[in-house]
Amino acid sequence: MRDIKDKIKQSGLKATPQRLAIYDSMCRLGHASADMVVDELKEIFPSITVATVYNVLESFVEAGLLSRRLSMNHKMYFDVNVYEHAHLYDTDSNVYMDYDDSELNAIVWEHIKKNMPHGFNLKNIDIQLIGTRN
């Protein structure tokens, strides 16, 4: 928990008990919606609301601690891993999984840089492979 507290403080946010619990929950879940975090925290914080959790998750995104993932079921998921990686998305269960392939990322970046339309400032490439688990 000390590492989480330090990480939150280093991002410029105050390490409140709710923020600590929410970030700890995200570390366990990896990819989660606000609803999923609320479900995990109901015993510790029985009065916590989805709106509160969503606002905290959004503040973590702004601080660079999480990234957003909009699923095909139009639900916002958050990702605790903010390094460059791709995702596998299971359409049956609406579950995200990290897909670490630095070679794929390098190939895509190189291709895009060579073919980027003039005047467009590329900030990120989001690779998502969509399918179902066997």
N, C-alpha and C. Protein backbone atom coordinates (compact mmCIF):
# COMPACT_ATOMS: atom_id res chain seq x y z
N MET A 1 0.83 -1.20 0.00
CA MET A 1 0.00 0.00 0.00
C MET A 1 0.87 1.25 0.00
N ARG A 2 2.06 1.15 0.57
CA ARG A 2 2.98 2.29 0.61
C ARG A 2 3.37 2.73 -0.80
N ASP A 3 3.61 1.74 -1.69
CA ASP A 3 3.96 2.05 -3.08
C ASP A 3 2.82 2.79 -3.77
N ILE A 4 1.59 2.36 -3.50
CA ILE A 4 0.42 3.01 -4.10
C ILE A 4 0.30 4.44 -3.60
N LYS A 5 0.50 4.62 -2.30
CA LYS A 5 0.43 5.97 -1.72
C LYS A 5 1.48 6.88 -2.36
N ASP A 6 2.70 6.38 -2.51
CA ASP A 6 3.77 7.17 -3.12
C ASP A 6 3.45 7.50 -4.58
N LYS A 7 2.92 6.52 -5.30
CA LYS A 7 2.60 6.72 -6.72
C LYS A 7 1.53 7.79 -6.88
N ILE A 8 0.50 7.75 -6.05
CA ILE A 8 -0.57 8.75 -6.11
C ILE A 8 -0.02 10.13 -5.78
N LYS A 9 0.78 10.22 -4.72
CA LYS A 9 1.37 11.51 -4.34
C LYS A 9 2.28 12.05 -5.44
N GLN A 10 3.09 11.18 -6.04
CA GLN A 10 4.00 11.61 -7.10
C GLN A 10 3.25 12.13 -8.32
N SER A 11 2.02 11.68 -8.51
CA SER A 11 1.23 12.14 -9.65
C SER A 11 0.61 13.51 -9.37
N GLY A 12 0.77 14.01 -8.14
CA GLY A 12 0.22 15.32 -7.79
C GLY A 12 -1.13 15.28 -7.11
N LEU A 13 -1.61 14.09 -6.81
CA LEU A 13 -2.90 13.95 -6.14
C LEU A 13 -2.71 13.65 -4.66
N LYS A 14 -3.70 14.00 -3.87
CA LYS A 14 -3.68 13.68 -2.45
C LYS A 14 -4.04 12.20 -2.28
N ALA A 15 -3.31 11.49 -1.46
CA ALA A 15 -3.52 10.05 -1.25
C ALA A 15 -4.56 9.83 -0.16
N THR A 16 -5.84 10.04 -0.51
CA THR A 16 -6.93 9.82 0.44
C THR A 16 -7.21 8.33 0.58
N PRO A 17 -7.88 7.92 1.65
CA PRO A 17 -8.20 6.49 1.80
C PRO A 17 -9.00 5.93 0.62
N GLN A 18 -9.95 6.71 0.09
CA GLN A 18 -10.73 6.24 -1.06
C GLN A 18 -9.84 6.08 -2.30
N ARG A 19 -8.99 7.06 -2.55
CA ARG A 19 -8.10 6.96 -3.72
C ARG A 19 -7.16 5.76 -3.58
N LEU A 20 -6.63 5.55 -2.39
CA LEU A 20 -5.75 4.40 -2.16
C LEU A 20 -6.50 3.10 -2.45
N ALA A 21 -7.70 2.98 -1.95
CA ALA A 21 -8.49 1.76 -2.14
C ALA A 21 -8.87 1.56 -3.61
N ILE A 22 -9.23 2.63 -4.28
CA ILE A 22 -9.62 2.54 -5.69
C ILE A 22 -8.43 2.15 -6.56
N TYR A 23 -7.28 2.77 -6.33
CA TYR A 23 -6.11 2.42 -7.13
C TYR A 23 -5.64 0.99 -6.82
N ASP A 24 -5.70 0.60 -5.56
CA ASP A 24 -5.34 -0.77 -5.18
C ASP A 24 -6.27 -1.76 -5.88
N SER A 25 -7.54 -1.44 -5.93
CA SER A 25 -8.51 -2.29 -6.62
C SER A 25 -8.18 -2.38 -8.11
N MET A 26 -7.83 -1.26 -8.72
CA MET A 26 -7.45 -1.26 -10.14
C MET A 26 -6.20 -2.11 -10.37
N CYS A 27 -5.26 -2.07 -9.44
CA CYS A 27 -4.05 -2.89 -9.58
C CYS A 27 -4.40 -4.38 -9.57
N ARG A 28 -5.38 -4.75 -8.78
CA ARG A 28 -5.80 -6.15 -8.73
C ARG A 28 -6.60 -6.54 -9.98
N LEU A 29 -7.48 -5.64 -10.43
CA LEU A 29 -8.36 -5.94 -11.56
C LEU A 29 -7.66 -5.77 -12.91
N GLY A 30 -6.76 -4.83 -13.02
CA GLY A 30 -6.05 -4.58 -14.28
C GLY A 30 -6.83 -3.71 -15.23
N HIS A 31 -7.95 -4.21 -15.71
CA HIS A 31 -8.87 -3.47 -16.59
C HIS A 31 -10.24 -3.54 -15.92
N ALA A 32 -10.84 -2.40 -15.64
CA ALA A 32 -12.11 -2.43 -14.93
C ALA A 32 -12.94 -1.19 -15.21
N SER A 33 -14.25 -1.36 -15.07
CA SER A 33 -15.17 -0.23 -15.14
C SER A 33 -15.38 0.29 -13.71
N ALA A 34 -15.99 1.45 -13.61
CA ALA A 34 -16.29 2.00 -12.29
C ALA A 34 -17.20 1.06 -11.50
N ASP A 35 -18.15 0.43 -12.18
CA ASP A 35 -19.05 -0.53 -11.52
C ASP A 35 -18.27 -1.68 -10.90
N MET A 36 -17.29 -2.17 -11.63
CA MET A 36 -16.49 -3.30 -11.13
C MET A 36 -15.70 -2.91 -9.89
N VAL A 37 -15.18 -1.69 -9.88
CA VAL A 37 -14.42 -1.21 -8.73
C VAL A 37 -15.36 -1.05 -7.53
N VAL A 38 -16.54 -0.49 -7.76
CA VAL A 38 -17.53 -0.33 -6.68
C VAL A 38 -17.86 -1.69 -6.08
N ASP A 39 -18.10 -2.68 -6.93
CA ASP A 39 -18.42 -4.03 -6.44
C ASP A 39 -17.31 -4.57 -5.55
N GLU A 40 -16.06 -4.31 -5.94
CA GLU A 40 -14.93 -4.82 -5.16
C GLU A 40 -14.76 -4.06 -3.83
N LEU A 41 -15.19 -2.81 -3.78
CA LEU A 41 -14.96 -1.98 -2.59
C LEU A 41 -16.16 -1.86 -1.66
N LYS A 42 -17.29 -2.46 -1.99
CA LYS A 42 -18.51 -2.30 -1.19
C LYS A 42 -18.34 -2.67 0.28
N GLU A 43 -17.52 -3.68 0.56
CA GLU A 43 -17.35 -4.08 1.97
C GLU A 43 -16.55 -3.05 2.74
N ILE A 44 -15.54 -2.47 2.10
CA ILE A 44 -14.68 -1.48 2.77
C ILE A 44 -15.36 -0.12 2.85
N PHE A 45 -15.99 0.28 1.74
CA PHE A 45 -16.68 1.57 1.65
C PHE A 45 -18.13 1.33 1.22
N PRO A 46 -19.01 0.94 2.15
CA PRO A 46 -20.38 0.58 1.78
C PRO A 46 -21.18 1.71 1.12
N SER A 47 -20.82 2.96 1.38
CA SER A 47 -21.59 4.06 0.81
C SER A 47 -20.95 4.65 -0.46
N ILE A 48 -19.90 4.02 -0.96
CA ILE A 48 -19.23 4.56 -2.14
C ILE A 48 -20.16 4.43 -3.36
N THR A 49 -20.15 5.46 -4.20
CA THR A 49 -21.03 5.46 -5.37
C THR A 49 -20.22 5.28 -6.65
N VAL A 50 -20.92 4.88 -7.70
CA VAL A 50 -20.29 4.73 -9.01
C VAL A 50 -19.77 6.09 -9.47
N ALA A 51 -20.52 7.15 -9.22
CA ALA A 51 -20.09 8.50 -9.63
C ALA A 51 -18.77 8.89 -8.95
N THR A 52 -18.66 8.60 -7.66
CA THR A 52 -17.42 8.92 -6.94
C THR A 52 -16.26 8.13 -7.51
N VAL A 53 -16.45 6.85 -7.71
CA VAL A 53 -15.38 6.01 -8.25
C VAL A 53 -15.00 6.48 -9.65
N TYR A 54 -16.00 6.77 -10.47
CA TYR A 54 -15.73 7.24 -11.84
C TYR A 54 -14.92 8.53 -11.81
N ASN A 55 -15.29 9.46 -10.95
CA ASN A 55 -14.55 10.72 -10.85
C ASN A 55 -13.10 10.50 -10.40
N VAL A 56 -12.90 9.60 -9.46
CA VAL A 56 -11.53 9.29 -9.01
C VAL A 56 -10.74 8.64 -10.14
N LEU A 57 -11.38 7.70 -10.85
CA LEU A 57 -10.70 7.05 -11.98
C LEU A 57 -10.31 8.08 -13.04
N GLU A 58 -11.20 9.01 -13.32
CA GLU A 58 -10.90 10.07 -14.29
C GLU A 58 -9.75 10.95 -13.81
N SER A 59 -9.70 11.23 -12.51
CA SER A 59 -8.58 12.03 -11.98
C SER A 59 -7.27 11.25 -12.12
N PHE A 60 -7.33 9.94 -11.99
CA PHE A 60 -6.14 9.10 -12.21
C PHE A 60 -5.70 9.14 -13.68
N VAL A 61 -6.66 9.17 -14.59
CA VAL A 61 -6.32 9.29 -16.02
C VAL A 61 -5.62 10.61 -16.27
N GLU A 62 -6.18 11.68 -15.75
CA GLU A 62 -5.58 13.01 -15.94
C GLU A 62 -4.18 13.09 -15.33
N ALA A 63 -3.94 12.34 -14.26
CA ALA A 63 -2.64 12.34 -13.60
C ALA A 63 -1.66 11.34 -14.24
N GLY A 64 -2.13 10.59 -15.23
CA GLY A 64 -1.27 9.64 -15.92
C GLY A 64 -1.14 8.29 -15.25
N LEU A 65 -1.99 8.00 -14.27
CA LEU A 65 -1.93 6.73 -13.55
C LEU A 65 -2.73 5.62 -14.24
N LEU A 66 -3.72 5.99 -15.02
CA LEU A 66 -4.58 5.04 -15.74
C LEU A 66 -4.80 5.54 -17.15
N SER A 67 -5.27 4.66 -18.01
CA SER A 67 -5.74 5.08 -19.33
C SER A 67 -7.16 4.57 -19.52
N ARG A 68 -7.86 5.14 -20.49
CA ARG A 68 -9.26 4.77 -20.76
C ARG A 68 -9.34 3.75 -21.89
N ARG A 69 -10.36 2.90 -21.82
CA ARG A 69 -10.68 1.94 -22.89
C ARG A 69 -12.19 1.95 -23.04
N LEU A 70 -12.67 2.34 -24.21
CA LEU A 70 -14.11 2.31 -24.47
C LEU A 70 -14.43 0.98 -25.13
N SER A 71 -15.26 0.18 -24.47
CA SER A 71 -15.55 -1.16 -24.96
C SER A 71 -16.63 -1.12 -26.04
N MET A 72 -16.80 -2.24 -26.69
CA MET A 72 -17.81 -2.35 -27.75
C MET A 72 -19.22 -2.33 -27.18
N ASN A 73 -19.37 -2.53 -25.88
CA ASN A 73 -20.69 -2.41 -25.26
C ASN A 73 -20.90 -1.00 -24.72
N HIS A 74 -20.04 -0.07 -25.20
CA HIS A 74 -20.13 1.37 -24.87
C HIS A 74 -19.95 1.66 -23.39
N LYS A 75 -19.17 0.84 -22.73
CA LYS A 75 -18.87 1.05 -21.32
C LYS A 75 -17.40 1.46 -21.21
N MET A 76 -17.12 2.42 -20.34
CA MET A 76 -15.75 2.88 -20.15
C MET A 76 -15.04 1.96 -19.17
N TYR A 77 -13.91 1.45 -19.62
CA TYR A 77 -13.03 0.65 -18.78
C TYR A 77 -11.74 1.45 -18.58
N PHE A 78 -11.06 1.17 -17.51
CA PHE A 78 -9.80 1.84 -17.20
C PHE A 78 -8.71 0.79 -17.12
N ASP A 79 -7.52 1.18 -17.54
CA ASP A 79 -6.38 0.27 -17.60
C ASP A 79 -5.30 0.79 -16.68
N VAL A 80 -4.84 -0.04 -15.77
CA VAL A 80 -3.80 0.34 -14.82
C VAL A 80 -2.42 0.36 -15.48
N ASN A 81 -2.27 -0.30 -16.61
CA ASN A 81 -0.99 -0.34 -17.31
C ASN A 81 -0.93 0.78 -18.34
N VAL A 82 -0.12 1.78 -18.08
CA VAL A 82 -0.08 2.95 -18.96
C VAL A 82 1.12 2.92 -19.92
N TYR A 83 1.90 1.85 -19.90
CA TYR A 83 2.99 1.72 -20.86
C TYR A 83 2.40 1.33 -22.23
N GLU A 84 3.21 1.47 -23.28
CA GLU A 84 2.72 1.14 -24.62
C GLU A 84 2.51 -0.37 -24.76
N HIS A 85 1.27 -0.75 -25.06
CA HIS A 85 0.94 -2.15 -25.29
C HIS A 85 -0.38 -2.20 -26.05
N ALA A 86 -0.66 -3.36 -26.61
CA ALA A 86 -1.91 -3.58 -27.32
C ALA A 86 -2.88 -4.31 -26.39
N HIS A 87 -4.10 -4.50 -26.88
CA HIS A 87 -5.11 -5.20 -26.09
C HIS A 87 -5.80 -6.27 -26.92
N LEU A 88 -6.17 -7.33 -26.24
CA LEU A 88 -7.10 -8.31 -26.76
C LEU A 88 -8.43 -8.00 -26.10
N TYR A 89 -9.50 -7.95 -26.91
CA TYR A 89 -10.82 -7.64 -26.36
C TYR A 89 -11.76 -8.79 -26.71
N ASP A 90 -12.30 -9.43 -25.69
CA ASP A 90 -13.23 -10.55 -25.86
C ASP A 90 -14.65 -9.99 -25.93
N THR A 91 -15.28 -10.10 -27.11
CA THR A 91 -16.61 -9.53 -27.30
C THR A 91 -17.70 -10.31 -26.56
N ASP A 92 -17.44 -11.58 -26.24
CA ASP A 92 -18.45 -12.35 -25.50
C ASP A 92 -18.56 -11.89 -24.05
N SER A 93 -17.42 -11.62 -23.43
CA SER A 93 -17.41 -11.28 -22.00
C SER A 93 -17.10 -9.81 -21.72
N ASN A 94 -16.79 -9.03 -22.78
CA ASN A 94 -16.38 -7.63 -22.63
C ASN A 94 -15.19 -7.51 -21.67
N VAL A 95 -14.21 -8.37 -21.88
CA VAL A 95 -13.01 -8.39 -21.04
C VAL A 95 -11.81 -7.98 -21.88
N TYR A 96 -10.98 -7.11 -21.28
CA TYR A 96 -9.72 -6.71 -21.90
C TYR A 96 -8.57 -7.50 -21.30
N MET A 97 -7.61 -7.81 -22.15
CA MET A 97 -6.38 -8.45 -21.70
C MET A 97 -5.22 -7.72 -22.37
N ASP A 98 -4.14 -7.51 -21.65
CA ASP A 98 -2.96 -6.89 -22.24
C ASP A 98 -2.33 -7.84 -23.24
N TYR A 99 -1.82 -7.26 -24.33
CA TYR A 99 -1.12 -8.02 -25.35
C TYR A 99 0.20 -7.29 -25.59
N ASP A 100 1.26 -7.80 -24.97
CA ASP A 100 2.57 -7.16 -25.07
C ASP A 100 3.32 -7.72 -26.27
N ASP A 101 3.53 -6.87 -27.26
CA ASP A 101 4.26 -7.26 -28.47
C ASP A 101 4.98 -6.02 -28.97
N SER A 102 6.19 -5.80 -28.46
CA SER A 102 6.94 -4.59 -28.82
C SER A 102 7.27 -4.56 -30.31
N GLU A 103 7.45 -5.73 -30.93
CA GLU A 103 7.73 -5.76 -32.37
C GLU A 103 6.52 -5.24 -33.16
N LEU A 104 5.32 -5.66 -32.80
CA LEU A 104 4.11 -5.17 -33.45
C LEU A 104 3.99 -3.66 -33.29
N ASN A 105 4.20 -3.17 -32.07
CA ASN A 105 4.12 -1.73 -31.82
C ASN A 105 5.11 -0.97 -32.69
N ALA A 106 6.34 -1.46 -32.79
CA ALA A 106 7.37 -0.79 -33.59
C ALA A 106 7.01 -0.78 -35.07
N ILE A 107 6.50 -1.89 -35.59
CA ILE A 107 6.10 -1.97 -37.00
C ILE A 107 4.99 -0.97 -37.29
N VAL A 108 3.99 -0.93 -36.44
CA VAL A 108 2.85 -0.02 -36.65
C VAL A 108 3.31 1.44 -36.57
N TRP A 109 4.11 1.79 -35.56
CA TRP A 109 4.61 3.16 -35.43
C TRP A 109 5.39 3.56 -36.67
N GLU A 110 6.28 2.71 -37.13
CA GLU A 110 7.11 3.02 -38.30
C GLU A 110 6.24 3.22 -39.54
N HIS A 111 5.29 2.34 -39.74
CA HIS A 111 4.39 2.45 -40.89
C HIS A 111 3.58 3.75 -40.84
N ILE A 112 3.03 4.03 -39.70
CA ILE A 112 2.21 5.23 -39.55
C ILE A 112 3.04 6.49 -39.75
N LYS A 113 4.24 6.54 -39.18
CA LYS A 113 5.10 7.72 -39.35
C LYS A 113 5.38 8.00 -40.82
N LYS A 114 5.63 6.94 -41.59
CA LYS A 114 5.92 7.11 -43.02
C LYS A 114 4.71 7.58 -43.81
N ASN A 115 3.52 7.23 -43.36
CA ASN A 115 2.31 7.49 -44.13
C ASN A 115 1.36 8.49 -43.47
N MET A 116 1.84 9.21 -42.47
CA MET A 116 0.99 10.14 -41.72
C MET A 116 0.59 11.32 -42.61
N PRO A 117 -0.70 11.63 -42.64
CA PRO A 117 -1.13 12.81 -43.40
C PRO A 117 -0.46 14.07 -42.85
N HIS A 118 -0.05 14.96 -43.75
CA HIS A 118 0.60 16.21 -43.35
C HIS A 118 -0.34 17.02 -42.45
N GLY A 119 0.23 17.57 -41.39
CA GLY A 119 -0.53 18.43 -40.50
C GLY A 119 -1.24 17.70 -39.38
N PHE A 120 -1.07 16.38 -39.27
CA PHE A 120 -1.70 15.64 -38.18
C PHE A 120 -0.63 15.31 -37.15
N ASN A 121 -0.88 15.68 -35.90
CA ASN A 121 0.06 15.44 -34.81
C ASN A 121 -0.33 14.18 -34.06
N LEU A 122 0.35 13.07 -34.36
CA LEU A 122 0.06 11.79 -33.74
C LEU A 122 0.53 11.78 -32.29
N LYS A 123 -0.36 11.41 -31.38
CA LYS A 123 -0.01 11.34 -29.96
C LYS A 123 0.08 9.90 -29.46
N ASN A 124 -0.70 9.02 -30.04
CA ASN A 124 -0.75 7.65 -29.53
C ASN A 124 -1.30 6.74 -30.61
N ILE A 125 -0.93 5.49 -30.55
CA ILE A 125 -1.53 4.47 -31.40
C ILE A 125 -2.15 3.44 -30.47
N ASP A 126 -3.40 3.13 -30.73
CA ASP A 126 -4.14 2.21 -29.89
C ASP A 126 -4.44 0.95 -30.71
N ILE A 127 -3.75 -0.13 -30.40
CA ILE A 127 -3.95 -1.38 -31.10
C ILE A 127 -4.84 -2.28 -30.26
N GLN A 128 -5.96 -2.68 -30.85
CA GLN A 128 -6.90 -3.55 -30.15
C GLN A 128 -7.29 -4.69 -31.07
N LEU A 129 -7.05 -5.89 -30.64
CA LEU A 129 -7.41 -7.09 -31.39
C LEU A 129 -8.72 -7.60 -30.81
N ILE A 130 -9.72 -7.75 -31.65
CA ILE A 130 -11.08 -8.07 -31.19
C ILE A 130 -11.44 -9.49 -31.59
N GLY A 131 -11.97 -10.24 -30.65
CA GLY A 131 -12.36 -11.61 -30.92
C GLY A 131 -13.01 -12.24 -29.72
N THR A 132 -12.97 -13.56 -29.69
CA THR A 132 -13.53 -14.30 -28.56
C THR A 132 -12.52 -15.36 -28.14
N ARG A 133 -12.61 -15.74 -26.89
CA ARG A 133 -11.74 -16.81 -26.39
C ARG A 133 -12.32 -18.16 -26.78
N ASN A 134 -11.44 -19.11 -27.02
CA ASN A 134 -11.89 -20.46 -27.36
C ASN A 134 -12.42 -21.17 -26.13
